[in-house]
Every structure is written in structure tokens, then in C-alpha cells.
Amino acid sequence: MPDPLHDAFDSESFRALGHGVVDLLADYLAGATRGDGPVLPWKDPAAQLEDWPVATGEPLEQLLPRWLAASNHLHHPGYLGHQVTAPLPLAALGTFAAALLNGATAVYEMGPANTAMEQNLVHWLAAKLGFGADADGILTSGGSLGNLTALLAARQAKAGYDVWSEGQAGGAPLAMLVGEQAHYSVARALQVMGMGRPGLVKVPADERYKTRPEALHDARRRAEADGRKVIGVAVNACCTATGSFDPLGPIADFCEAHGLWLHVDGAHGAAAALSPKYRHLIEGIDRADAVVWDAHKMLMMPALCTAVLFRDGRRGYEAFAQEASYLLHRHDPRDEWYNLCGRTFECTKTPMALPLYLALSVYGEELFADYVTSRFDLGRRFGAMLAAEPDFELPVPPECNIVCFRYVPPKQGDLDALQVQIRQRIIASGAFHLVQTRLATGIHLRVTIISPFTTDGHLQDLIEAVRVTARPA
């Protein structure tokens, strides 16, 4: 009698399916990197919903090509959208292999090789930041969880009482000084932690959208006058909106002078550590207490893969200072460093180390250094292109591969509405995918030059596409 369940696990059927899927994806990759077809085949969300009913019996050889055609194509040279990279094909194969074994890395026995890979990777990343031998960390599912993890460790280290055991009533209400350009996940984390809106004390930025170190003193005084105990400072390397890097050295001076935790959200820009040309952008990051670094941004890894790195590795064990007796049997938590669930929000954690470990083993560090340098170089060249055009405004010279700009035609109307219209029309055309952001002077168009296949020529084409798109229909 046929056995559908066992047939679904048949190795030869899997072999045939795998060859077919890889062939399909290889053809897709060839076309996408050439710039074939639209970047994003835009469709109304409600109509998209109707296209994907569940359990229809559609064969794989029809379903996957249809899914590919309807998806956003991050390997396309016209992809200039959000900060999610075009993953290395080898890394995608690593994810494929990891998914089949499904060796969750919460406890060592479920993923012994994955656990060792992860720990060696976080030590390698920490060393790249300039952290010493005492550094440690973990991989987690995205920058938002990474920021929450690091800020929980900051609270436990600096609150002066055990918040896990006693709650917020155990001492004075707490506050964090946060650069006004911080990612929204920082505010979300602090509110999840029960610090409320008053617990997030914003520190103003300068005209280049960098946190002003001299403003930290006033922010601290305001928090203390409100009866709050300041535990630390959270800043950017770099900020999401403009790609501006905060001056980490002077901020570290302030933190050290006042005994405060320094958290650096380096989800995007910490990768500058790999580029000899751009490492100066993160000068002082080695003095941070914790750094968040997304491999799915500037390390060409599939999402999600975020490193949370602690200069003093012991602090990583304090973020989730709880016991689960059926999982953890320890006194000093470092005795069981290999049971990672004690240091992460996840209890079932995907084996996310394998793709990055494979890529570093096969290609070495130089591939990543070259990628970061080339994308940052191109971002700066695009800034120079825009600055040379009389009908474009550049709010700040780009420091990396994030560039904001604004089209300002000779006959000006509602410039904010014009930028929104330009973006909508360009996305609908399928030629490019870009986003928008609101800065002090209004809405701006914003690109992240993250595909390895985007060139100066593509960016010159974008400039012309903006002009053409802005003309009345």
C-alpha cells in the first residue's frame, strides 16, 4: 500500500526535487543579476492575497516559478530599497542544509556543531570590533531582538538592583539616553522592558544627523531631575535614515566618566570593521559594552542572523537571568556556555551560524572586506553625482552606502508630495526599488546600495528616471 508520509521523506525523490529547485534558482540568479525583468513586480496587497490560497495541490514546478515572478528581487542591480542584502548563493545553500537537519541551537545536544560554529563566529566578530579575549556573545533572530537582549543586559548590570527578581519597584525608575536618530526597535525594547516613554531620554543630533556628545550632559540632568536613574547611552553605527555614524569616541568618554553602559546599534555599519578604508567610521566602538551587528545586512547572509556582542562576555549571561531546571543545570552560567538558551530570547533557535561559517571558510575575509568597501565607495560616488545636479538636493554627504536625496525641479510645488509620487511611480515601473524617509527638511528619497551588481551606470539611470517620472503625465 502507498505510504504518503514515508514517500514524502524518500531520499531519491528529494534528490530529484533538489536538482530541479537548484536549476530553477540558478536560472533566476543569472537573470536577476543581469537586471532582467522588474525589481519588484508591484501588485495590490488584496489582489496578492487572492493569488495564494492554501493547499491547492499546485505542483512544485508551477508554484515555485510563480512565486519567484511575484517576489522582490534583491539580486537585481536596481534593488536599492531596504537594508536587506542579496545573499550569497553559498549562504543560501547553507540555510537549505541547516533547515533539513533542523538542529535548533538552544541546547548543545540539539546542535553540537552549530553551537561550536556560533561561538567561534561571535568571537571572530568581536575581535574585528577590537574587543579583547573576554568578549563573548550570541546570534539571535534580528536586530530588534538583538537590541532588546543588549539593553536587558545593560539594565541588569547598571540598575543597582535585580530587576528580574524585584521588578521595577525594586529601585528608582530607570532611563536610557538615546540618540534621536536611533532605530525604533530601541524605543520598543525600552518600553517592553517597562521603562515607559519617560525612560527614553532623547539626545539631539546635529545637522549631519549625528548624536551630539555635548548634549548628553543636559539629557542626563533632565532624566535625573525627573527622578530617574540613568543606566546608559544607546547610539548608532550607523543611523537607518541617513547612514550617519555617531561619534563613538566622545560618547564613550562620557559613558566612562559617568559609569554608564554604552550600547551601539551597529546593525548596518559595524561591517565597516572589515574594511581598512572605512574602519575609521566606527572609531571607539571597541569601548562599547555591547554592539549589535546584522549579518543579513552587510555580510550578504540570508535573514535573519544578528550578532549581539559583549565586551565583557559575562554580561551576556545577565540579559535573561532566569532558570529553567529541565534545560539548565548550573551554578556559574559560564560553565554551560554551550547551552545558548540561557543567553537568548529564543528557546528554539535556528542554526543560523552555518551560512556565515561556510562563506568565511570557502571565500575568506577578503570577499567581505571588498564588498563593504565597494558598496561604501559607490554610495559616496552617488552622493557626488547628486551634488553635481542642480535639480537635486543632498541633505548630508553620504558616509556609507545609504544615500538620501530630494528632487527639486525648477517649478516647485509640494515637494513632499512630489517625492512620494516619484517613488510610487518608479516602483510601479519595476526599474528600481527605493524607499523614502522623513528628515528635518521634509520627505526625501532614500537608497541603500546593497546589491553587489549595482554600478555607477545604474545610479546615473536612476537620476534620469527620477526626472522623467516627475514630469506630469
Protein backbone atom coordinates (compact mmCIF):
# COMPACT_ATOMS: atom_id res chain seq x y z
CA MET A 1 0.00 0.00 0.00
CA PRO A 2 1.24 3.54 -0.71
CA ASP A 3 2.52 5.39 2.36
CA PRO A 4 2.29 9.15 1.61
CA LEU A 5 4.14 10.12 4.81
CA HIS A 6 7.17 7.94 4.14
CA ASP A 7 7.08 8.81 0.44
CA ALA A 8 7.43 12.49 1.41
CA PHE A 9 10.78 11.61 3.02
CA ASP A 10 12.08 9.46 0.15
CA SER A 11 15.71 10.36 -0.50
CA GLU A 12 15.62 9.82 -4.25
CA SER A 13 12.51 11.95 -4.63
CA PHE A 14 14.28 14.60 -2.59
CA ARG A 15 17.33 14.35 -4.85
CA ALA A 16 15.20 14.95 -7.94
CA LEU A 17 13.30 17.81 -6.32
CA GLY A 18 16.55 19.38 -5.12
CA HIS A 19 18.18 19.30 -8.53
CA GLY A 20 15.08 20.87 -10.04
CA VAL A 21 14.90 23.63 -7.43
CA VAL A 22 18.61 24.49 -7.73
CA ASP A 23 18.37 24.59 -11.53
CA LEU A 24 15.38 26.93 -11.28
CA LEU A 25 17.13 29.19 -8.75
CA ALA A 26 20.36 29.24 -10.78
CA ASP A 27 18.42 30.43 -13.84
CA TYR A 28 16.69 33.02 -11.68
CA LEU A 29 20.03 34.21 -10.26
CA ALA A 30 21.52 34.61 -13.74
CA GLY A 31 18.59 36.73 -14.88
CA ALA A 32 18.29 38.80 -11.70
CA THR A 33 21.98 39.74 -11.58
CA ARG A 34 21.77 40.81 -15.26
CA GLY A 35 18.84 43.07 -14.39
CA ASP A 36 16.23 41.10 -16.30
CA GLY A 37 12.61 41.91 -15.54
CA PRO A 38 11.22 44.15 -12.81
CA VAL A 39 12.88 44.52 -9.44
CA LEU A 40 9.54 44.35 -7.66
CA PRO A 41 6.50 43.25 -9.70
CA TRP A 42 4.13 45.50 -7.82
CA LYS A 43 0.62 44.24 -7.11
CA ASP A 44 -2.07 45.48 -4.76
CA PRO A 45 -1.88 43.57 -1.43
CA ALA A 46 -5.51 42.46 -1.59
CA ALA A 47 -5.03 41.07 -5.09
CA GLN A 48 -1.82 39.36 -3.97
CA LEU A 49 -3.74 37.66 -1.19
CA GLU A 50 -6.13 36.14 -3.71
CA ASP A 51 -3.22 34.67 -5.66
CA TRP A 52 -2.05 32.43 -2.82
CA PRO A 53 -4.81 30.19 -1.43
CA VAL A 54 -3.58 27.33 0.77
CA ALA A 55 -3.32 23.63 -0.14
CA THR A 56 -4.41 23.90 -3.76
CA GLY A 57 -2.47 20.88 -4.98
CA GLU A 58 -0.44 23.03 -7.37
CA PRO A 59 2.69 21.13 -8.48
CA LEU A 60 6.08 22.41 -7.38
CA GLU A 61 7.29 23.03 -10.94
CA GLN A 62 4.46 25.56 -11.37
CA LEU A 63 4.27 27.01 -7.87
CA LEU A 64 7.93 27.98 -7.41
CA PRO A 65 8.31 29.85 -10.74
CA ARG A 66 5.09 31.73 -9.99
CA TRP A 67 6.41 32.62 -6.53
CA LEU A 68 9.72 33.81 -7.97
CA ALA A 69 7.97 36.00 -10.51
CA ALA A 70 5.86 37.64 -7.79
CA SER A 71 8.74 38.32 -5.37
CA ASN A 72 11.09 41.21 -4.70
CA HIS A 73 14.43 40.55 -6.41
CA LEU A 74 17.27 41.65 -4.15
CA HIS A 75 20.00 40.41 -6.51
CA HIS A 76 18.74 42.81 -9.21
CA PRO A 77 21.06 45.82 -9.72
CA GLY A 78 18.00 48.08 -9.47
CA TYR A 79 17.28 46.91 -5.92
CA LEU A 80 18.09 49.94 -3.77
CA GLY A 81 15.44 49.51 -1.11
CA HIS A 82 15.58 48.31 2.46
CA GLN A 83 18.68 47.18 4.34
CA VAL A 84 18.34 43.50 3.46
CA THR A 85 21.12 42.13 1.31
CA ALA A 86 21.32 39.89 -1.74
CA PRO A 87 22.53 36.72 -0.02
CA LEU A 88 25.47 34.76 -1.29
CA PRO A 89 24.27 31.63 -3.12
CA LEU A 90 26.60 29.53 -0.96
CA ALA A 91 25.00 31.02 2.16
CA ALA A 92 21.56 30.13 0.80
CA LEU A 93 22.73 26.54 0.39
CA GLY A 94 23.93 26.63 3.99
CA THR A 95 20.45 27.70 5.09
CA PHE A 96 18.99 24.89 2.98
CA ALA A 97 21.22 22.31 4.66
CA ALA A 98 20.61 23.73 8.14
CA ALA A 99 16.85 23.64 7.60
CA LEU A 100 16.88 19.96 6.65
CA LEU A 101 18.77 18.95 9.81
CA ASN A 102 16.75 21.45 11.89
CA GLY A 103 19.31 21.32 14.68
CA ALA A 104 17.95 24.04 16.95
CA THR A 105 20.78 25.59 18.94
CA ALA A 106 19.07 26.36 22.23
CA VAL A 107 20.80 23.44 23.93
CA TYR A 108 24.05 21.84 22.89
CA GLU A 109 22.72 18.34 22.35
CA MET A 110 20.33 19.59 19.63
CA GLY A 111 23.06 21.24 17.55
CA PRO A 112 26.58 20.48 18.77
CA ALA A 113 28.41 21.55 15.59
CA ASN A 114 26.13 24.60 15.19
CA THR A 115 26.87 25.68 18.76
CA ALA A 116 30.63 25.49 18.26
CA MET A 117 30.40 27.34 14.93
CA GLU A 118 28.31 30.08 16.52
CA GLN A 119 30.63 30.64 19.45
CA ASN A 120 33.71 30.81 17.25
CA LEU A 121 31.92 33.19 14.87
CA VAL A 122 30.89 35.61 17.62
CA HIS A 123 34.45 35.62 18.96
CA TRP A 124 35.71 36.37 15.44
CA LEU A 125 33.21 39.21 15.01
CA ALA A 126 34.02 40.61 18.46
CA ALA A 127 37.74 40.60 17.64
CA LYS A 128 37.02 42.51 14.43
CA LEU A 129 35.44 45.25 16.56
CA GLY A 130 38.56 45.39 18.70
CA PHE A 131 37.10 43.60 21.71
CA GLY A 132 39.54 41.59 23.81
CA ALA A 133 39.75 37.98 24.90
CA ASP A 134 36.99 38.41 27.50
CA ALA A 135 34.38 39.25 24.85
CA ASP A 136 31.54 36.89 24.05
CA GLY A 137 28.09 36.93 22.51
CA ILE A 138 25.36 35.06 20.69
CA LEU A 139 23.48 35.05 17.40
CA THR A 140 19.80 35.91 17.51
CA SER A 141 16.85 36.46 15.20
CA GLY A 142 17.26 40.04 14.03
CA GLY A 143 18.36 43.45 15.20
CA SER A 144 15.21 44.14 17.20
CA LEU A 145 15.80 41.09 19.39
CA GLY A 146 19.49 41.97 19.42
CA ASN A 147 18.81 45.44 20.81
CA LEU A 148 16.39 44.04 23.39
CA THR A 149 18.96 41.46 24.52
CA ALA A 150 21.74 44.03 24.90
CA LEU A 151 19.53 46.52 26.73
CA LEU A 152 18.30 43.85 29.14
CA ALA A 153 21.94 43.14 29.96
CA ALA A 154 22.54 46.88 30.46
CA ARG A 155 19.61 47.08 32.89
CA GLN A 156 20.82 44.11 34.93
CA ALA A 157 24.38 45.49 35.02
CA LYS A 158 23.57 49.11 35.89
CA ALA A 159 20.20 49.27 37.64
CA GLY A 160 21.70 48.70 41.09
CA TYR A 161 19.05 46.11 41.94
CA ASP A 162 17.85 42.82 40.48
CA VAL A 163 15.04 43.87 38.17
CA TRP A 164 14.39 40.27 37.11
CA SER A 165 13.61 39.28 40.70
CA GLU A 166 12.25 42.50 42.17
CA GLY A 167 10.63 44.22 39.19
CA GLN A 168 10.76 47.96 38.52
CA ALA A 169 9.54 48.65 42.07
CA GLY A 170 12.86 47.39 43.42
CA GLY A 171 14.52 50.78 42.97
CA ALA A 172 14.41 54.15 41.24
CA PRO A 173 12.76 54.28 37.79
CA LEU A 174 15.35 53.85 35.07
CA ALA A 175 16.26 55.81 31.94
CA MET A 176 18.43 55.38 28.87
CA LEU A 177 19.87 58.28 26.89
CA VAL A 178 19.09 57.53 23.25
CA GLY A 179 20.24 59.34 20.12
CA GLU A 180 17.22 60.88 18.40
CA GLN A 181 18.09 59.04 15.17
CA ALA A 182 18.03 55.62 16.87
CA HIS A 183 16.11 52.80 15.22
CA TYR A 184 12.57 52.42 16.52
CA SER A 185 13.44 48.99 17.92
CA VAL A 186 15.45 50.69 20.68
CA ALA A 187 12.40 52.61 21.91
CA ARG A 188 10.29 49.48 21.54
CA ALA A 189 12.78 47.45 23.60
CA LEU A 190 12.87 50.00 26.42
CA GLN A 191 9.08 50.10 26.57
CA VAL A 192 8.86 46.30 26.51
CA MET A 193 11.25 46.40 29.47
CA GLY A 194 8.74 48.56 31.37
CA MET A 195 10.72 51.80 31.30
CA GLY A 196 7.92 53.68 29.55
CA ARG A 197 8.26 56.71 27.34
CA PRO A 198 9.88 58.81 30.10
CA GLY A 199 12.58 56.13 30.33
CA LEU A 200 13.75 57.01 26.83
CA VAL A 201 15.51 60.36 27.00
CA LYS A 202 16.30 61.62 23.52
CA VAL A 203 19.64 63.21 22.74
CA PRO A 204 19.50 65.69 19.83
CA ALA A 205 21.51 65.24 16.66
CA ASP A 206 23.47 67.82 14.70
CA GLU A 207 22.84 68.96 11.13
CA ARG A 208 24.53 65.79 9.85
CA TYR A 209 22.10 63.60 11.84
CA LYS A 210 24.82 62.53 14.29
CA THR A 211 24.21 62.37 18.04
CA ARG A 212 25.75 65.44 19.73
CA PRO A 213 28.08 64.26 22.53
CA GLU A 214 27.86 67.64 24.27
CA ALA A 215 24.08 67.21 24.56
CA LEU A 216 24.46 64.10 26.71
CA HIS A 217 25.08 66.17 29.83
CA ASP A 218 21.79 68.03 29.55
CA ALA A 219 19.89 64.83 28.74
CA ARG A 220 21.29 63.17 31.85
CA ARG A 221 20.38 66.15 34.02
CA ARG A 222 16.82 66.16 32.66
CA ALA A 223 16.39 62.47 33.42
CA GLU A 224 17.76 62.82 36.94
CA ALA A 225 15.60 65.88 37.61
CA ASP A 226 12.65 63.68 36.70
CA GLY A 227 13.68 61.25 39.43
CA ARG A 228 15.17 58.63 37.10
CA LYS A 229 18.42 56.73 37.31
CA VAL A 230 20.30 56.85 34.02
CA ILE A 231 21.87 53.49 33.21
CA GLY A 232 23.37 54.06 29.78
CA VAL A 233 23.54 55.56 26.32
CA ALA A 234 22.32 53.99 23.05
CA VAL A 235 23.69 55.32 19.74
CA ASN A 236 24.14 54.38 16.09
CA ALA A 237 26.72 52.99 13.72
CA CYS A 238 25.01 53.99 11.51
CA CYS A 239 21.52 55.53 11.65
CA THR A 240 18.90 53.99 9.38
CA ALA A 241 17.59 57.20 7.85
CA THR A 242 20.80 58.77 6.52
CA GLY A 243 23.65 56.34 7.18
CA SER A 244 25.32 58.84 9.53
CA PHE A 245 27.75 57.41 12.10
CA ASP A 246 27.64 58.76 15.63
CA PRO A 247 30.96 59.97 17.13
CA LEU A 248 31.60 56.94 19.31
CA GLY A 249 34.85 58.09 20.92
CA PRO A 250 33.48 61.22 22.65
CA ILE A 251 30.30 59.34 23.59
CA ALA A 252 32.42 56.58 25.16
CA ASP A 253 34.32 59.27 27.11
CA PHE A 254 31.02 60.48 28.58
CA CYS A 255 29.89 56.96 29.48
CA GLU A 256 33.16 56.12 31.17
CA ALA A 257 33.15 59.39 33.13
CA HIS A 258 29.66 58.68 34.50
CA GLY A 259 29.77 54.91 34.84
CA LEU A 260 27.16 54.32 32.13
CA TRP A 261 26.62 51.42 29.75
CA LEU A 262 27.36 52.17 26.09
CA HIS A 263 25.19 50.34 23.58
CA VAL A 264 25.96 50.67 19.86
CA ASP A 265 23.36 49.63 17.31
CA GLY A 266 25.78 48.63 14.56
CA ALA A 267 23.26 46.50 12.68
CA HIS A 268 24.32 48.05 9.36
CA GLY A 269 27.52 49.96 9.94
CA ALA A 270 29.51 47.64 12.20
CA ALA A 271 30.59 45.94 8.97
CA ALA A 272 32.94 48.90 8.47
CA ALA A 273 35.20 46.94 10.84
CA LEU A 274 36.03 44.66 7.90
CA SER A 275 37.13 47.49 5.58
CA PRO A 276 40.54 49.06 6.18
CA LYS A 277 39.35 52.09 4.19
CA TYR A 278 36.23 52.72 6.29
CA ARG A 279 37.06 51.37 9.71
CA HIS A 280 37.59 54.93 10.94
CA LEU A 281 33.80 55.43 10.80
CA ILE A 282 33.42 53.24 13.90
CA GLU A 283 36.43 54.50 15.83
CA GLY A 284 35.69 53.97 19.51
CA ILE A 285 33.36 51.01 19.03
CA ASP A 286 35.84 48.83 20.91
CA ARG A 287 34.88 50.80 24.05
CA ALA A 288 31.20 49.90 23.81
CA ASP A 289 29.73 47.48 26.34
CA ALA A 290 27.53 45.86 23.69
CA VAL A 291 27.22 46.00 19.92
CA VAL A 292 24.50 44.62 17.66
CA TRP A 293 25.67 43.57 14.15
CA ASP A 294 23.37 42.18 11.44
CA ALA A 295 24.94 39.65 9.10
CA HIS A 296 21.86 39.87 6.85
CA LYS A 297 22.71 43.47 6.05
CA MET A 298 26.36 43.96 5.07
CA LEU A 299 27.66 40.38 5.33
CA MET A 300 25.49 39.00 2.49
CA MET A 301 23.73 36.44 4.69
CA PRO A 302 20.12 35.29 4.44
CA ALA A 303 17.82 36.81 7.06
CA LEU A 304 17.84 36.58 9.97
CA CYS A 305 21.29 36.50 11.55
CA THR A 306 22.23 39.08 14.18
CA ALA A 307 25.24 39.02 16.47
CA VAL A 308 24.94 40.52 19.98
CA LEU A 309 28.49 41.11 21.15
CA PHE A 310 29.57 41.98 24.71
CA ARG A 311 32.98 43.46 25.51
CA ASP A 312 32.74 41.70 28.90
CA GLY A 313 31.27 38.36 27.91
CA ARG A 314 29.90 37.73 31.41
CA ARG A 315 27.27 40.41 30.79
CA GLY A 316 25.65 38.30 28.10
CA TYR A 317 24.56 35.80 30.76
CA GLU A 318 22.68 38.50 32.66
CA ALA A 319 20.24 39.54 29.94
CA PHE A 320 17.90 36.65 30.74
CA ALA A 321 18.84 35.84 34.33
CA GLN A 322 16.26 33.11 34.86
CA GLU A 323 16.36 29.39 35.45
CA ALA A 324 14.70 26.57 33.51
CA SER A 325 15.58 23.48 35.51
CA TYR A 326 14.74 20.98 32.79
CA LEU A 327 17.22 22.71 30.45
CA LEU A 328 19.87 24.30 32.63
CA HIS A 329 21.78 22.71 35.49
CA ARG A 330 24.40 25.19 36.57
CA HIS A 331 25.79 27.48 39.21
CA ASP A 332 28.18 29.71 37.28
CA PRO A 333 26.33 30.14 33.97
CA ARG A 334 29.61 30.26 32.05
CA ASP A 335 30.18 26.62 33.00
CA GLU A 336 27.49 25.80 30.44
CA TRP A 337 28.34 28.34 27.75
CA TYR A 338 27.28 25.72 25.22
CA ASN A 339 23.59 25.83 26.25
CA LEU A 340 22.73 29.06 24.45
CA CYS A 341 19.10 29.32 25.61
CA GLY A 342 20.39 30.96 28.80
CA ARG A 343 21.56 33.93 26.76
CA THR A 344 18.85 34.36 24.10
CA PHE A 345 15.17 35.19 23.96
CA GLU A 346 14.59 32.16 21.74
CA CYS A 347 14.29 28.74 23.27
CA THR A 348 14.15 27.08 19.86
CA LYS A 349 16.82 28.90 17.87
CA THR A 350 17.52 28.29 14.20
CA PRO A 351 21.06 27.10 13.30
CA MET A 352 21.93 30.47 11.77
CA ALA A 353 25.71 30.16 12.09
CA LEU A 354 26.22 27.67 9.26
CA PRO A 355 25.77 30.04 6.26
CA LEU A 356 28.27 32.59 7.55
CA TYR A 357 30.69 29.91 8.70
CA LEU A 358 30.60 28.27 5.26
CA ALA A 359 31.12 31.57 3.43
CA LEU A 360 34.11 32.55 5.58
CA SER A 361 35.62 29.09 5.22
CA VAL A 362 35.24 29.00 1.44
CA TYR A 363 35.88 32.64 0.49
CA GLY A 364 37.86 34.07 3.40
CA GLU A 365 37.59 37.53 4.91
CA GLU A 366 38.72 39.42 1.82
CA LEU A 367 35.45 38.86 -0.04
CA PHE A 368 33.53 40.62 2.72
CA ALA A 369 36.05 43.45 3.05
CA ASP A 370 35.89 44.08 -0.70
CA TYR A 371 32.09 44.03 -0.68
CA VAL A 372 31.77 46.55 2.16
CA THR A 373 34.40 48.84 0.66
CA SER A 374 32.90 48.74 -2.83
CA ARG A 375 29.36 49.49 -1.63
CA PHE A 376 30.51 52.35 0.62
CA ASP A 377 32.62 53.72 -2.24
CA LEU A 378 29.63 53.62 -4.57
CA GLY A 379 27.41 55.35 -2.04
CA ARG A 380 29.86 58.24 -1.81
CA ARG A 381 30.18 58.44 -5.60
CA PHE A 382 26.40 58.56 -5.91
CA GLY A 383 26.37 61.41 -3.41
CA ALA A 384 28.86 63.28 -5.60
CA MET A 385 26.70 62.64 -8.69
CA LEU A 386 23.65 64.09 -6.95
CA ALA A 387 25.55 67.09 -5.58
CA ALA A 388 26.60 67.96 -9.15
CA GLU A 389 22.98 68.07 -10.37
CA PRO A 390 21.24 71.46 -9.93
CA ASP A 391 17.77 69.92 -9.53
CA PHE A 392 18.68 67.54 -6.70
CA GLU A 393 19.28 68.25 -3.00
CA LEU A 394 21.59 66.19 -0.82
CA PRO A 395 20.74 66.74 2.88
CA VAL A 396 24.03 65.25 4.08
CA PRO A 397 27.08 63.88 2.23
CA PRO A 398 26.83 60.08 2.49
CA GLU A 399 29.34 58.27 4.66
CA CYS A 400 28.43 54.77 3.52
CA ASN A 401 26.02 53.08 1.10
CA ILE A 402 22.87 54.78 2.42
CA VAL A 403 22.06 57.94 0.46
CA CYS A 404 19.17 60.37 0.91
CA PHE A 405 18.23 62.92 -1.73
CA ARG A 406 15.38 65.09 -2.88
CA TYR A 407 14.29 66.09 -6.38
CA VAL A 408 13.70 69.84 -6.62
CA PRO A 409 12.50 70.86 -10.11
CA PRO A 410 12.68 74.48 -11.31
CA LYS A 411 8.93 74.91 -10.78
CA GLN A 412 8.43 73.87 -7.20
CA GLY A 413 5.12 72.77 -5.78
CA ASP A 414 4.53 70.44 -2.86
CA LEU A 415 7.97 68.84 -2.70
CA ASP A 416 6.97 66.22 -0.13
CA ALA A 417 4.09 65.03 -2.29
CA LEU A 418 6.37 65.01 -5.31
CA GLN A 419 8.90 62.67 -3.66
CA VAL A 420 6.13 60.26 -2.67
CA GLN A 421 4.74 60.32 -6.21
CA ILE A 422 8.17 59.74 -7.75
CA ARG A 423 8.78 56.72 -5.54
CA GLN A 424 5.39 55.19 -6.25
CA ARG A 425 5.79 55.58 -10.00
CA ILE A 426 9.34 54.23 -10.09
CA ILE A 427 8.40 51.17 -8.05
CA ALA A 428 5.39 50.56 -10.29
CA SER A 429 7.67 50.73 -13.34
CA GLY A 430 9.79 47.87 -11.97
CA ALA A 431 13.06 49.63 -12.91
CA PHE A 432 14.21 50.36 -9.35
CA HIS A 433 13.16 49.76 -5.78
CA LEU A 434 13.87 52.68 -3.45
CA VAL A 435 12.27 53.92 -0.24
CA GLN A 436 11.53 57.26 1.38
CA THR A 437 12.27 58.83 4.75
CA ARG A 438 11.23 61.99 6.55
CA LEU A 439 14.08 64.26 7.62
CA ALA A 440 14.02 67.69 9.27
CA THR A 441 13.53 69.40 5.89
CA GLY A 442 10.81 67.05 4.65
CA ILE A 443 10.38 63.78 2.78
CA HIS A 444 13.42 62.50 0.92
CA LEU A 445 14.05 59.58 -1.38
CA ARG A 446 16.50 57.07 0.07
CA VAL A 447 18.58 54.28 -1.40
CA THR A 448 20.68 51.54 0.16
CA ILE A 449 23.26 50.39 -2.38
CA ILE A 450 23.44 46.81 -1.18
CA SER A 451 23.28 44.61 -4.30
CA PRO A 452 26.79 43.61 -5.46
CA PHE A 453 25.62 44.19 -9.04
CA THR A 454 24.63 47.87 -8.85
CA THR A 455 27.05 50.13 -10.76
CA ASP A 456 27.60 53.84 -11.34
CA GLY A 457 25.68 53.46 -14.59
CA HIS A 458 22.60 52.13 -12.82
CA LEU A 459 22.68 55.08 -10.43
CA GLN A 460 23.01 57.55 -13.29
CA ASP A 461 19.96 55.85 -14.83
CA LEU A 462 18.11 56.33 -11.55
CA ILE A 463 18.79 60.07 -11.60
CA GLU A 464 17.28 60.30 -15.08
CA ALA A 465 14.38 58.04 -14.09
CA VAL A 466 13.54 60.42 -11.23
CA ARG A 467 13.44 63.37 -13.62
CA VAL A 468 11.30 61.57 -16.19
CA THR A 469 8.96 60.21 -13.56
CA ALA A 470 8.45 63.64 -12.01
CA ARG A 471 7.09 65.10 -15.24
CA PRO A 472 3.31 65.48 -15.40
CA ALA A 473 1.62 62.52 -17.08
